[in-house]
Amino acid sequence: METWVDVAEVDSLRPGTCRTVEAVGRQFALARVADEFHLIDNACPHRGSSLGAGTVDGLHLYCPLHGWAFHLGTGACAERPDKPVRTYPVQVRLGKVWANIGTS
């Protein structure tokens, strides 16, 4: 089932940064790479650290606790391929970032 929700204003995130956003009682990490937005689960599978507090480098988001790298497009973890995070489709509409949190 598709569930599209408004997660942020486009202008609330500069290119090359990320932050934690909340929607329907859940937390996600929202990253901006140039003019593209990426949404993944917020909790790092290693120790539960907030990925929204991490660092963006290209298409990778680095966990602030131990530096695990997650590919923003696929959710794959470079250090532990068996520990990916879930990614979500996003769209920009009328100055807002919308995410489909009902499917991956």
N, C-alpha and C. Protein backbone atom coordinates (compact mmCIF):
# COMPACT_ATOMS: atom_id res chain seq x y z
N MET A 1 0.84 -1.18 0.00
CA MET A 1 0.00 0.00 0.00
C MET A 1 0.89 1.25 0.00
N GLU A 2 0.53 2.21 -0.82
CA GLU A 2 1.28 3.45 -0.88
C GLU A 2 0.74 4.45 0.12
N THR A 3 1.65 5.06 0.87
CA THR A 3 1.30 6.10 1.82
C THR A 3 2.28 7.25 1.64
N TRP A 4 1.87 8.27 0.89
CA TRP A 4 2.72 9.44 0.67
C TRP A 4 2.48 10.47 1.76
N VAL A 5 3.56 10.92 2.39
CA VAL A 5 3.46 11.92 3.45
C VAL A 5 4.47 13.04 3.20
N ASP A 6 4.10 14.22 3.63
CA ASP A 6 4.96 15.41 3.57
C ASP A 6 5.98 15.29 4.71
N VAL A 7 7.27 15.24 4.36
CA VAL A 7 8.28 15.07 5.42
C VAL A 7 9.12 16.32 5.67
N ALA A 8 9.16 17.27 4.71
CA ALA A 8 9.98 18.47 4.92
C ALA A 8 9.74 19.49 3.81
N GLU A 9 10.12 20.71 4.10
CA GLU A 9 10.17 21.76 3.09
C GLU A 9 11.49 21.59 2.33
N VAL A 10 11.47 21.78 1.03
CA VAL A 10 12.68 21.65 0.22
C VAL A 10 13.78 22.56 0.76
N ASP A 11 13.45 23.79 1.09
CA ASP A 11 14.45 24.76 1.55
C ASP A 11 14.97 24.51 2.96
N SER A 12 14.43 23.52 3.65
CA SER A 12 14.88 23.25 5.02
C SER A 12 16.17 22.43 5.08
N LEU A 13 16.66 21.99 3.90
CA LEU A 13 17.85 21.15 3.88
C LEU A 13 18.78 21.62 2.76
N ARG A 14 19.99 21.99 3.12
CA ARG A 14 20.98 22.41 2.13
C ARG A 14 21.57 21.19 1.43
N PRO A 15 22.02 21.33 0.19
CA PRO A 15 22.69 20.21 -0.49
C PRO A 15 23.90 19.73 0.32
N GLY A 16 24.08 18.41 0.35
CA GLY A 16 25.20 17.82 1.08
C GLY A 16 24.98 17.66 2.56
N THR A 17 23.72 17.80 3.01
CA THR A 17 23.42 17.65 4.44
C THR A 17 22.29 16.66 4.66
N CYS A 18 22.09 16.32 5.90
CA CYS A 18 20.98 15.43 6.27
C CYS A 18 20.44 15.84 7.63
N ARG A 19 19.27 15.31 7.94
CA ARG A 19 18.68 15.56 9.25
C ARG A 19 17.62 14.51 9.51
N THR A 20 17.19 14.45 10.75
CA THR A 20 16.13 13.52 11.13
C THR A 20 14.79 14.21 10.92
N VAL A 21 13.85 13.47 10.34
CA VAL A 21 12.48 13.96 10.18
C VAL A 21 11.54 12.91 10.77
N GLU A 22 10.36 13.37 11.15
CA GLU A 22 9.37 12.46 11.72
C GLU A 22 8.11 12.49 10.88
N ALA A 23 7.54 11.31 10.68
CA ALA A 23 6.28 11.18 9.95
C ALA A 23 5.55 9.97 10.49
N VAL A 24 4.28 10.12 10.68
CA VAL A 24 3.39 9.08 11.21
C VAL A 24 4.01 8.35 12.41
N GLY A 25 4.60 9.13 13.31
CA GLY A 25 5.14 8.56 14.54
C GLY A 25 6.46 7.81 14.39
N ARG A 26 7.10 7.91 13.24
CA ARG A 26 8.38 7.23 13.00
C ARG A 26 9.44 8.25 12.62
N GLN A 27 10.70 7.90 12.86
CA GLN A 27 11.80 8.78 12.49
C GLN A 27 12.54 8.21 11.28
N PHE A 28 12.96 9.15 10.41
CA PHE A 28 13.69 8.81 9.20
C PHE A 28 14.86 9.77 9.06
N ALA A 29 15.87 9.37 8.28
CA ALA A 29 16.97 10.26 7.92
C ALA A 29 16.69 10.77 6.51
N LEU A 30 16.66 12.09 6.37
CA LEU A 30 16.44 12.73 5.08
C LEU A 30 17.75 13.39 4.66
N ALA A 31 18.24 13.04 3.48
CA ALA A 31 19.49 13.61 2.97
C ALA A 31 19.24 14.29 1.64
N ARG A 32 20.03 15.33 1.40
CA ARG A 32 19.94 16.04 0.12
C ARG A 32 21.29 15.97 -0.56
N VAL A 33 21.30 15.48 -1.80
CA VAL A 33 22.49 15.44 -2.63
C VAL A 33 22.17 16.25 -3.87
N ALA A 34 22.80 17.41 -3.99
CA ALA A 34 22.46 18.38 -5.05
C ALA A 34 20.97 18.70 -4.93
N ASP A 35 20.20 18.42 -5.95
CA ASP A 35 18.76 18.69 -5.89
C ASP A 35 17.93 17.42 -5.69
N GLU A 36 18.58 16.32 -5.32
CA GLU A 36 17.88 15.07 -5.08
C GLU A 36 17.78 14.81 -3.58
N PHE A 37 16.63 14.28 -3.17
CA PHE A 37 16.41 13.94 -1.77
C PHE A 37 16.34 12.42 -1.62
N HIS A 38 16.82 11.94 -0.49
CA HIS A 38 16.82 10.50 -0.18
C HIS A 38 16.31 10.31 1.24
N LEU A 39 15.46 9.32 1.42
CA LEU A 39 14.92 9.02 2.75
C LEU A 39 15.23 7.57 3.09
N ILE A 40 15.82 7.37 4.29
CA ILE A 40 16.13 6.03 4.77
C ILE A 40 15.70 5.93 6.23
N ASP A 41 15.66 4.71 6.74
CA ASP A 41 15.37 4.54 8.17
C ASP A 41 16.44 5.28 8.97
N ASN A 42 16.04 5.83 10.09
CA ASN A 42 16.94 6.67 10.89
C ASN A 42 17.90 5.87 11.75
N ALA A 43 17.53 4.70 12.22
CA ALA A 43 18.36 3.95 13.16
C ALA A 43 19.43 3.12 12.45
N CYS A 44 20.68 3.34 12.82
CA CYS A 44 21.77 2.52 12.30
C CYS A 44 21.61 1.11 12.85
N PRO A 45 21.72 0.08 12.01
CA PRO A 45 21.55 -1.29 12.49
C PRO A 45 22.68 -1.77 13.42
N HIS A 46 23.75 -1.01 13.53
CA HIS A 46 24.87 -1.40 14.39
C HIS A 46 24.55 -1.15 15.86
N ARG A 47 24.25 0.10 16.20
CA ARG A 47 23.99 0.46 17.59
C ARG A 47 22.80 1.39 17.76
N GLY A 48 22.02 1.56 16.69
CA GLY A 48 20.82 2.37 16.79
C GLY A 48 21.03 3.87 16.74
N SER A 49 22.24 4.30 16.41
CA SER A 49 22.52 5.73 16.33
C SER A 49 21.65 6.40 15.27
N SER A 50 21.38 7.68 15.45
CA SER A 50 20.57 8.45 14.52
C SER A 50 21.35 8.77 13.25
N LEU A 51 20.96 8.16 12.13
CA LEU A 51 21.64 8.43 10.87
C LEU A 51 21.37 9.86 10.40
N GLY A 52 20.28 10.44 10.84
CA GLY A 52 19.98 11.82 10.50
C GLY A 52 21.01 12.80 11.04
N ALA A 53 21.81 12.38 12.02
CA ALA A 53 22.88 13.21 12.57
C ALA A 53 24.22 12.91 11.90
N GLY A 54 24.18 12.08 10.86
CA GLY A 54 25.40 11.68 10.18
C GLY A 54 25.90 12.70 9.17
N THR A 55 26.87 12.26 8.39
CA THR A 55 27.53 13.11 7.39
C THR A 55 27.29 12.54 6.00
N VAL A 56 26.97 13.43 5.06
CA VAL A 56 26.76 13.03 3.67
C VAL A 56 28.03 13.28 2.87
N ASP A 57 28.43 12.28 2.10
CA ASP A 57 29.56 12.41 1.18
C ASP A 57 29.16 11.71 -0.11
N GLY A 58 28.85 12.49 -1.13
CA GLY A 58 28.35 11.90 -2.37
C GLY A 58 27.03 11.22 -2.10
N LEU A 59 26.90 9.98 -2.51
CA LEU A 59 25.66 9.22 -2.27
C LEU A 59 25.75 8.34 -1.04
N HIS A 60 26.68 8.65 -0.13
CA HIS A 60 26.80 7.87 1.09
C HIS A 60 26.49 8.73 2.32
N LEU A 61 25.82 8.10 3.27
CA LEU A 61 25.54 8.73 4.56
C LEU A 61 26.31 7.93 5.60
N TYR A 62 27.12 8.65 6.39
CA TYR A 62 27.97 8.01 7.39
C TYR A 62 27.37 8.15 8.77
N CYS A 63 27.26 7.03 9.47
CA CYS A 63 26.74 7.02 10.83
C CYS A 63 27.66 7.85 11.73
N PRO A 64 27.07 8.72 12.56
CA PRO A 64 27.90 9.57 13.42
C PRO A 64 28.60 8.82 14.56
N LEU A 65 28.14 7.61 14.87
CA LEU A 65 28.71 6.88 16.00
C LEU A 65 29.97 6.09 15.63
N HIS A 66 29.89 5.28 14.57
CA HIS A 66 31.04 4.44 14.21
C HIS A 66 31.44 4.55 12.75
N GLY A 67 30.79 5.44 11.99
CA GLY A 67 31.22 5.69 10.63
C GLY A 67 30.77 4.71 9.56
N TRP A 68 29.84 3.82 9.89
CA TRP A 68 29.35 2.93 8.85
C TRP A 68 28.77 3.75 7.71
N ALA A 69 29.04 3.35 6.47
CA ALA A 69 28.57 4.08 5.29
C ALA A 69 27.37 3.37 4.67
N PHE A 70 26.30 4.13 4.44
CA PHE A 70 25.09 3.60 3.82
C PHE A 70 24.85 4.32 2.50
N HIS A 71 24.61 3.54 1.44
CA HIS A 71 24.32 4.12 0.14
C HIS A 71 22.90 4.67 0.18
N LEU A 72 22.74 5.94 -0.14
CA LEU A 72 21.44 6.60 -0.02
C LEU A 72 20.41 6.07 -1.01
N GLY A 73 20.85 5.54 -2.13
CA GLY A 73 19.91 5.03 -3.12
C GLY A 73 19.44 3.62 -2.86
N THR A 74 20.32 2.81 -2.28
CA THR A 74 19.98 1.39 -2.09
C THR A 74 19.85 0.98 -0.62
N GLY A 75 20.45 1.74 0.28
CA GLY A 75 20.46 1.38 1.69
C GLY A 75 21.57 0.41 2.06
N ALA A 76 22.36 -0.02 1.07
CA ALA A 76 23.44 -0.98 1.33
C ALA A 76 24.50 -0.39 2.25
N CYS A 77 25.00 -1.24 3.13
CA CYS A 77 26.05 -0.84 4.07
C CYS A 77 27.39 -1.35 3.56
N ALA A 78 28.35 -0.44 3.38
CA ALA A 78 29.67 -0.81 2.86
C ALA A 78 30.42 -1.74 3.82
N GLU A 79 30.32 -1.47 5.12
CA GLU A 79 31.06 -2.26 6.11
C GLU A 79 30.41 -3.62 6.38
N ARG A 80 29.10 -3.65 6.33
CA ARG A 80 28.36 -4.88 6.64
C ARG A 80 27.23 -5.05 5.63
N PRO A 81 27.50 -5.72 4.51
CA PRO A 81 26.46 -5.91 3.50
C PRO A 81 25.20 -6.62 4.02
N ASP A 82 25.34 -7.32 5.13
CA ASP A 82 24.18 -8.02 5.71
C ASP A 82 23.34 -7.11 6.60
N LYS A 83 23.71 -5.82 6.71
CA LYS A 83 22.99 -4.88 7.57
C LYS A 83 22.53 -3.62 6.81
N PRO A 84 21.74 -3.78 5.74
CA PRO A 84 21.26 -2.59 5.02
C PRO A 84 20.17 -1.88 5.82
N VAL A 85 19.88 -0.65 5.41
CA VAL A 85 18.74 0.08 5.95
C VAL A 85 17.72 0.22 4.83
N ARG A 86 16.48 0.42 5.21
CA ARG A 86 15.40 0.54 4.24
C ARG A 86 15.40 1.94 3.62
N THR A 87 15.17 2.00 2.33
CA THR A 87 15.04 3.27 1.62
C THR A 87 13.59 3.47 1.21
N TYR A 88 13.24 4.71 0.93
CA TYR A 88 11.85 5.05 0.59
C TYR A 88 11.83 5.99 -0.62
N PRO A 89 10.88 5.78 -1.53
CA PRO A 89 10.76 6.69 -2.67
C PRO A 89 10.37 8.10 -2.21
N VAL A 90 10.95 9.10 -2.87
CA VAL A 90 10.62 10.49 -2.55
C VAL A 90 10.30 11.25 -3.83
N GLN A 91 9.51 12.30 -3.66
CA GLN A 91 9.18 13.22 -4.73
C GLN A 91 9.18 14.63 -4.17
N VAL A 92 9.50 15.59 -5.02
CA VAL A 92 9.39 16.99 -4.65
C VAL A 92 8.16 17.54 -5.36
N ARG A 93 7.24 18.10 -4.57
CA ARG A 93 6.01 18.69 -5.11
C ARG A 93 5.73 19.99 -4.40
N LEU A 94 5.61 21.05 -5.18
CA LEU A 94 5.21 22.36 -4.65
C LEU A 94 6.06 22.80 -3.46
N GLY A 95 7.38 22.60 -3.57
CA GLY A 95 8.30 23.06 -2.54
C GLY A 95 8.40 22.17 -1.31
N LYS A 96 7.80 20.99 -1.39
CA LYS A 96 7.85 20.07 -0.25
C LYS A 96 8.41 18.72 -0.70
N VAL A 97 9.03 18.03 0.24
CA VAL A 97 9.53 16.69 0.01
C VAL A 97 8.49 15.71 0.51
N TRP A 98 8.02 14.85 -0.37
CA TRP A 98 7.02 13.82 -0.03
C TRP A 98 7.70 12.46 -0.12
N ALA A 99 7.37 11.57 0.80
CA ALA A 99 7.94 10.23 0.81
C ALA A 99 6.83 9.19 0.86
N ASN A 100 7.06 8.11 0.17
CA ASN A 100 6.16 6.98 0.18
C ASN A 100 6.67 6.01 1.23
N ILE A 101 6.13 6.10 2.43
CA ILE A 101 6.62 5.25 3.52
C ILE A 101 5.86 3.93 3.62
N GLY A 102 4.94 3.72 2.67
CA GLY A 102 4.16 2.47 2.67
C GLY A 102 4.82 1.36 1.89
N THR A 103 5.78 1.70 1.03
CA THR A 103 6.49 0.69 0.24
C THR A 103 7.95 1.05 0.21
N SER A 104 8.77 0.09 -0.20
CA SER A 104 10.21 0.38 -0.31
C SER A 104 10.66 0.16 -1.73
